[in-house]
Every structure is written in structure tokens, then in C-alpha cells.
Amino acid sequence: MSQQQVAPAGWYPHPSMVGTQRYWDGSRWTDHIAPMPMLAPMPMVRAQGMGDGVLVVGYITAIFIPVVGFIIGIVAMSKGRGGHGAAMLVISIVAFMFWLNALTPDTTYSTYNGY
């Protein structure tokens, strides 16, 4: 002979009243109804993996190695540090233009002297 398993006594979600629960006494449903308990809100957690030290390195790199600084800026934006990431992107672009101008020879002058 098989025994039928019965749910233990306790509060269970009410099947026809959303947001409420009903009490099961172990053998039958009672008339006791209560609201569902409120869930505690999840605490805000700072984005991991992009600490202040990495941001400092990102800014310095954006100035001296703009391509790498640009990549670090994109990563910073994806890690929830949008303001710092955008600043690194701008600094990288400006630094790239500076280094491009500083390191390429100026060919605007002419060596032709008219003879």
C-alpha cells in the first residue's frame, strides 16, 4: 500500500488571489489569508573590476599611448564608470592628434628657392 505525501502545514501562495497567501494546516486549507511578505531590496553594489588605480592608469595611458587609453575608456564605460570612460576617450583623441602632429614631419615648406 502506498501512502500519499501531504505538504507540511504552513503559508502557501493563494492560487486565485495574487499577492496573498493562504494557510494549510496539514490536512485542509483554512480561511486564514495574509499578504505575501515583501522582499528586501537588493543593496547597490559598485561595479567590480574598475578601481580608482585602474582609472589613474587609464588617464595616464590616454595621454602617452592614446590607442590603449581609448580601449581602457571603452572598458570603463562598460563597467559603469561612464563619466571617466568618456573623459578618457576625449583625452585619447586629443592626445592622438597631438602626437600625430608632433611626430610627423612638417612638409608644408618648400625647398625650392626659385633657381
N, C-alpha and C. Protein backbone atom coordinates (compact mmCIF):
# COMPACT_ATOMS: atom_id res chain seq x y z
N MET A 1 0.84 -1.17 0.00
CA MET A 1 0.00 0.00 0.00
C MET A 1 0.88 1.24 0.00
N SER A 2 0.48 2.23 -0.77
CA SER A 2 1.28 3.45 -0.83
C SER A 2 0.62 4.54 0.00
N GLN A 3 1.48 5.32 0.63
CA GLN A 3 0.97 6.44 1.41
C GLN A 3 1.09 7.70 0.57
N GLN A 4 0.07 8.53 0.62
CA GLN A 4 0.09 9.79 -0.11
C GLN A 4 0.82 10.82 0.73
N GLN A 5 1.78 11.50 0.10
CA GLN A 5 2.52 12.52 0.82
C GLN A 5 1.70 13.79 0.90
N VAL A 6 1.70 14.41 2.06
CA VAL A 6 0.94 15.63 2.29
C VAL A 6 1.93 16.75 2.59
N ALA A 7 1.66 17.93 2.03
CA ALA A 7 2.53 19.09 2.29
C ALA A 7 2.45 19.46 3.76
N PRO A 8 3.56 19.88 4.34
CA PRO A 8 3.54 20.27 5.74
C PRO A 8 2.70 21.54 5.96
N ALA A 9 2.24 21.72 7.16
CA ALA A 9 1.46 22.91 7.49
C ALA A 9 2.30 24.15 7.25
N GLY A 10 1.66 25.20 6.78
CA GLY A 10 2.38 26.45 6.54
C GLY A 10 1.64 27.35 5.59
N TRP A 11 2.24 28.52 5.34
CA TRP A 11 1.67 29.51 4.43
C TRP A 11 2.13 29.21 3.01
N TYR A 12 1.18 29.22 2.07
CA TYR A 12 1.46 28.95 0.66
C TYR A 12 0.79 30.02 -0.20
N PRO A 13 1.34 30.31 -1.39
CA PRO A 13 0.70 31.31 -2.26
C PRO A 13 -0.74 30.92 -2.56
N HIS A 14 -1.62 31.89 -2.45
CA HIS A 14 -3.05 31.66 -2.73
C HIS A 14 -3.21 31.51 -4.24
N PRO A 15 -3.84 30.43 -4.72
CA PRO A 15 -3.91 30.19 -6.16
C PRO A 15 -4.80 31.16 -6.93
N SER A 16 -5.77 31.78 -6.28
CA SER A 16 -6.68 32.65 -7.01
C SER A 16 -6.62 34.11 -6.58
N MET A 17 -5.80 34.43 -5.58
CA MET A 17 -5.67 35.82 -5.13
C MET A 17 -4.19 36.22 -5.18
N VAL A 18 -3.82 36.88 -6.25
CA VAL A 18 -2.42 37.28 -6.46
C VAL A 18 -1.97 38.19 -5.34
N GLY A 19 -0.76 37.97 -4.85
CA GLY A 19 -0.19 38.81 -3.81
C GLY A 19 -0.60 38.42 -2.40
N THR A 20 -1.29 37.30 -2.28
CA THR A 20 -1.70 36.83 -0.94
C THR A 20 -1.25 35.39 -0.75
N GLN A 21 -1.34 34.96 0.48
CA GLN A 21 -1.03 33.56 0.82
C GLN A 21 -2.13 33.02 1.72
N ARG A 22 -2.28 31.70 1.70
CA ARG A 22 -3.31 31.04 2.49
C ARG A 22 -2.67 29.97 3.35
N TYR A 23 -3.24 29.72 4.52
CA TYR A 23 -2.64 28.78 5.46
C TYR A 23 -3.19 27.37 5.26
N TRP A 24 -2.26 26.42 5.15
CA TRP A 24 -2.57 24.99 5.05
C TRP A 24 -2.22 24.38 6.40
N ASP A 25 -3.20 23.76 7.07
CA ASP A 25 -2.94 23.25 8.43
C ASP A 25 -2.38 21.83 8.44
N GLY A 26 -2.08 21.31 7.29
CA GLY A 26 -1.52 19.97 7.19
C GLY A 26 -2.53 18.96 6.66
N SER A 27 -3.83 19.31 6.78
CA SER A 27 -4.85 18.41 6.26
C SER A 27 -5.89 19.13 5.40
N ARG A 28 -6.04 20.44 5.62
CA ARG A 28 -7.01 21.21 4.81
C ARG A 28 -6.62 22.68 4.80
N TRP A 29 -7.16 23.40 3.82
CA TRP A 29 -6.96 24.84 3.74
C TRP A 29 -7.84 25.53 4.78
N THR A 30 -7.28 26.50 5.47
CA THR A 30 -8.07 27.27 6.44
C THR A 30 -8.58 28.53 5.75
N ASP A 31 -9.36 29.32 6.46
CA ASP A 31 -9.86 30.59 5.93
C ASP A 31 -8.88 31.73 6.18
N HIS A 32 -7.74 31.43 6.77
CA HIS A 32 -6.74 32.46 7.07
C HIS A 32 -5.99 32.85 5.80
N ILE A 33 -6.04 34.17 5.50
CA ILE A 33 -5.37 34.72 4.32
C ILE A 33 -4.52 35.89 4.79
N ALA A 34 -3.33 36.02 4.22
CA ALA A 34 -2.42 37.11 4.59
C ALA A 34 -1.70 37.60 3.33
N PRO A 35 -1.24 38.87 3.35
CA PRO A 35 -0.47 39.35 2.19
C PRO A 35 0.87 38.62 2.10
N MET A 36 1.38 38.51 0.89
CA MET A 36 2.70 37.91 0.68
C MET A 36 3.75 38.79 1.34
N PRO A 37 4.79 38.21 1.92
CA PRO A 37 5.83 39.04 2.54
C PRO A 37 6.58 39.84 1.48
N MET A 38 6.99 41.04 1.86
CA MET A 38 7.75 41.91 0.96
C MET A 38 9.20 41.44 0.93
N LEU A 39 9.77 41.43 -0.25
CA LEU A 39 11.18 41.07 -0.38
C LEU A 39 12.03 42.31 -0.11
N ALA A 40 13.12 42.12 0.59
CA ALA A 40 14.03 43.23 0.87
C ALA A 40 14.71 43.66 -0.43
N PRO A 41 14.85 44.98 -0.67
CA PRO A 41 15.53 45.42 -1.90
C PRO A 41 17.00 45.02 -1.88
N MET A 42 17.51 44.75 -3.05
CA MET A 42 18.92 44.38 -3.18
C MET A 42 19.78 45.63 -2.95
N PRO A 43 20.86 45.50 -2.18
CA PRO A 43 21.73 46.66 -1.97
C PRO A 43 22.48 47.01 -3.25
N MET A 44 22.77 48.29 -3.42
CA MET A 44 23.54 48.75 -4.58
C MET A 44 24.98 48.28 -4.41
N VAL A 45 25.52 47.71 -5.46
CA VAL A 45 26.89 47.22 -5.43
C VAL A 45 27.68 47.98 -6.49
N ARG A 46 28.83 48.47 -6.11
CA ARG A 46 29.69 49.18 -7.05
C ARG A 46 30.22 48.20 -8.09
N ALA A 47 30.29 48.66 -9.32
CA ALA A 47 30.80 47.82 -10.39
C ALA A 47 32.21 47.34 -10.04
N GLN A 48 32.41 46.04 -10.19
CA GLN A 48 33.69 45.45 -9.84
C GLN A 48 34.65 45.53 -11.02
N GLY A 49 35.92 45.51 -10.71
CA GLY A 49 36.94 45.40 -11.75
C GLY A 49 37.45 46.72 -12.30
N MET A 50 36.98 47.84 -11.83
CA MET A 50 37.44 49.12 -12.36
C MET A 50 37.66 50.05 -11.17
N GLY A 51 38.72 49.77 -10.41
CA GLY A 51 39.04 50.56 -9.24
C GLY A 51 39.69 51.88 -9.61
N ASP A 52 39.92 52.70 -8.60
CA ASP A 52 40.50 54.02 -8.82
C ASP A 52 41.90 53.94 -9.41
N GLY A 53 42.68 52.93 -9.01
CA GLY A 53 44.03 52.78 -9.55
C GLY A 53 44.02 52.53 -11.05
N VAL A 54 43.05 51.72 -11.49
CA VAL A 54 42.95 51.44 -12.93
C VAL A 54 42.55 52.70 -13.68
N LEU A 55 41.70 53.52 -13.06
CA LEU A 55 41.29 54.76 -13.71
C LEU A 55 42.48 55.71 -13.87
N VAL A 56 43.32 55.81 -12.85
CA VAL A 56 44.51 56.67 -12.94
C VAL A 56 45.42 56.19 -14.05
N VAL A 57 45.64 54.89 -14.11
CA VAL A 57 46.47 54.32 -15.19
C VAL A 57 45.82 54.61 -16.55
N GLY A 58 44.51 54.54 -16.61
CA GLY A 58 43.80 54.82 -17.86
C GLY A 58 44.02 56.25 -18.33
N TYR A 59 43.94 57.20 -17.40
CA TYR A 59 44.17 58.61 -17.77
C TYR A 59 45.60 58.83 -18.26
N ILE A 60 46.56 58.28 -17.53
CA ILE A 60 47.97 58.45 -17.93
C ILE A 60 48.22 57.80 -19.28
N THR A 61 47.67 56.61 -19.46
CA THR A 61 47.84 55.90 -20.73
C THR A 61 47.16 56.66 -21.86
N ALA A 62 46.02 57.27 -21.59
CA ALA A 62 45.32 58.03 -22.62
C ALA A 62 46.18 59.15 -23.16
N ILE A 63 47.04 59.71 -22.32
CA ILE A 63 47.91 60.81 -22.74
C ILE A 63 49.12 60.31 -23.52
N PHE A 64 49.76 59.26 -23.02
CA PHE A 64 51.03 58.82 -23.62
C PHE A 64 50.87 57.71 -24.65
N ILE A 65 49.86 56.88 -24.53
CA ILE A 65 49.59 55.83 -25.52
C ILE A 65 48.10 55.90 -25.82
N PRO A 66 47.69 56.84 -26.65
CA PRO A 66 46.27 57.12 -26.84
C PRO A 66 45.41 55.94 -27.27
N VAL A 67 45.93 55.05 -28.09
CA VAL A 67 45.12 53.92 -28.56
C VAL A 67 44.74 53.02 -27.38
N VAL A 68 45.70 52.74 -26.50
CA VAL A 68 45.42 51.91 -25.32
C VAL A 68 44.50 52.65 -24.37
N GLY A 69 44.71 53.96 -24.19
CA GLY A 69 43.82 54.76 -23.34
C GLY A 69 42.40 54.76 -23.86
N PHE A 70 42.23 54.77 -25.19
CA PHE A 70 40.90 54.71 -25.80
C PHE A 70 40.21 53.41 -25.44
N ILE A 71 40.96 52.30 -25.51
CA ILE A 71 40.39 50.99 -25.17
C ILE A 71 40.01 50.93 -23.69
N ILE A 72 40.88 51.46 -22.82
CA ILE A 72 40.56 51.48 -21.39
C ILE A 72 39.31 52.34 -21.14
N GLY A 73 39.15 53.41 -21.89
CA GLY A 73 37.96 54.25 -21.77
C GLY A 73 36.70 53.49 -22.13
N ILE A 74 36.76 52.69 -23.18
CA ILE A 74 35.60 51.88 -23.57
C ILE A 74 35.27 50.86 -22.49
N VAL A 75 36.31 50.22 -21.94
CA VAL A 75 36.09 49.24 -20.87
C VAL A 75 35.50 49.93 -19.65
N ALA A 76 35.99 51.12 -19.30
CA ALA A 76 35.46 51.86 -18.15
C ALA A 76 33.99 52.16 -18.34
N MET A 77 33.59 52.53 -19.54
CA MET A 77 32.18 52.81 -19.80
C MET A 77 31.34 51.55 -19.66
N SER A 78 31.86 50.41 -20.08
CA SER A 78 31.09 49.16 -19.97
C SER A 78 31.02 48.65 -18.54
N LYS A 79 31.91 49.12 -17.67
CA LYS A 79 31.91 48.70 -16.26
C LYS A 79 31.15 49.67 -15.36
N GLY A 80 30.41 50.59 -15.95
CA GLY A 80 29.60 51.50 -15.16
C GLY A 80 30.31 52.77 -14.73
N ARG A 81 31.46 53.04 -15.29
CA ARG A 81 32.20 54.27 -14.95
C ARG A 81 32.17 55.19 -16.17
N GLY A 82 30.95 55.51 -16.61
CA GLY A 82 30.74 56.25 -17.86
C GLY A 82 31.42 57.59 -17.93
N GLY A 83 31.36 58.37 -16.85
CA GLY A 83 31.99 59.69 -16.87
C GLY A 83 33.48 59.61 -17.08
N HIS A 84 34.13 58.71 -16.35
CA HIS A 84 35.57 58.54 -16.51
C HIS A 84 35.89 57.97 -17.89
N GLY A 85 35.08 57.02 -18.34
CA GLY A 85 35.31 56.42 -19.65
C GLY A 85 35.22 57.45 -20.77
N ALA A 86 34.21 58.31 -20.72
CA ALA A 86 34.05 59.35 -21.74
C ALA A 86 35.21 60.33 -21.70
N ALA A 87 35.66 60.69 -20.49
CA ALA A 87 36.80 61.60 -20.37
C ALA A 87 38.05 60.97 -20.98
N MET A 88 38.26 59.68 -20.73
CA MET A 88 39.44 59.01 -21.31
C MET A 88 39.36 58.97 -22.83
N LEU A 89 38.15 58.78 -23.37
CA LEU A 89 38.00 58.77 -24.83
C LEU A 89 38.39 60.13 -25.41
N VAL A 90 37.90 61.19 -24.80
CA VAL A 90 38.21 62.54 -25.30
C VAL A 90 39.71 62.82 -25.17
N ILE A 91 40.28 62.51 -24.01
CA ILE A 91 41.72 62.75 -23.81
C ILE A 91 42.53 61.94 -24.81
N SER A 92 42.12 60.69 -25.07
CA SER A 92 42.84 59.85 -26.03
C SER A 92 42.81 60.45 -27.42
N ILE A 93 41.66 60.96 -27.84
CA ILE A 93 41.54 61.54 -29.18
C ILE A 93 42.41 62.79 -29.30
N VAL A 94 42.34 63.66 -28.28
CA VAL A 94 43.14 64.88 -28.31
C VAL A 94 44.63 64.53 -28.28
N ALA A 95 45.01 63.58 -27.43
CA ALA A 95 46.42 63.18 -27.35
C ALA A 95 46.88 62.55 -28.65
N PHE A 96 46.03 61.76 -29.29
CA PHE A 96 46.39 61.16 -30.57
C PHE A 96 46.67 62.23 -31.61
N MET A 97 45.80 63.24 -31.66
CA MET A 97 46.02 64.33 -32.62
C MET A 97 47.31 65.09 -32.30
N PHE A 98 47.59 65.31 -31.02
CA PHE A 98 48.82 65.98 -30.63
C PHE A 98 50.04 65.18 -31.06
N TRP A 99 50.06 63.88 -30.70
CA TRP A 99 51.22 63.04 -31.03
C TRP A 99 51.37 62.88 -32.54
N LEU A 100 50.26 62.80 -33.26
CA LEU A 100 50.33 62.69 -34.72
C LEU A 100 50.98 63.95 -35.31
N ASN A 101 50.60 65.10 -34.81
CA ASN A 101 51.17 66.35 -35.28
C ASN A 101 52.63 66.51 -34.86
N ALA A 102 52.95 66.09 -33.63
CA ALA A 102 54.30 66.26 -33.11
C ALA A 102 55.30 65.29 -33.76
N LEU A 103 54.86 64.12 -34.14
CA LEU A 103 55.79 63.10 -34.62
C LEU A 103 55.87 62.98 -36.14
N THR A 104 54.99 63.63 -36.85
CA THR A 104 55.09 63.57 -38.31
C THR A 104 55.83 64.80 -38.80
N PRO A 105 56.68 64.64 -39.80
CA PRO A 105 57.46 65.79 -40.30
C PRO A 105 56.55 66.79 -41.00
N ASP A 106 56.90 68.04 -40.85
CA ASP A 106 56.13 69.12 -41.49
C ASP A 106 56.62 69.25 -42.92
N THR A 107 55.79 68.98 -43.86
CA THR A 107 56.19 69.02 -45.28
C THR A 107 55.54 70.19 -46.00
N THR A 108 55.10 71.18 -45.25
CA THR A 108 54.43 72.32 -45.89
C THR A 108 55.41 73.33 -46.46
N TYR A 109 56.67 73.32 -46.04
CA TYR A 109 57.63 74.27 -46.56
C TYR A 109 58.23 73.74 -47.85
N SER A 110 58.70 74.62 -48.66
CA SER A 110 59.27 74.24 -49.95
C SER A 110 60.77 74.46 -49.92
N THR A 111 61.52 73.55 -50.49
CA THR A 111 62.97 73.69 -50.58
C THR A 111 63.35 74.41 -51.89
N TYR A 112 62.39 74.65 -52.71
CA TYR A 112 62.67 75.34 -53.97
C TYR A 112 62.90 76.82 -53.69
N ASN A 113 64.03 77.32 -54.13
CA ASN A 113 64.35 78.72 -53.85
C ASN A 113 64.27 79.59 -55.10
N GLY A 114 63.70 79.06 -56.15
CA GLY A 114 63.49 79.87 -57.35
C GLY A 114 64.59 79.74 -58.39
N TYR A 115 65.64 79.02 -58.17
CA TYR A 115 66.70 78.86 -59.16
C TYR A 115 66.53 77.67 -60.00
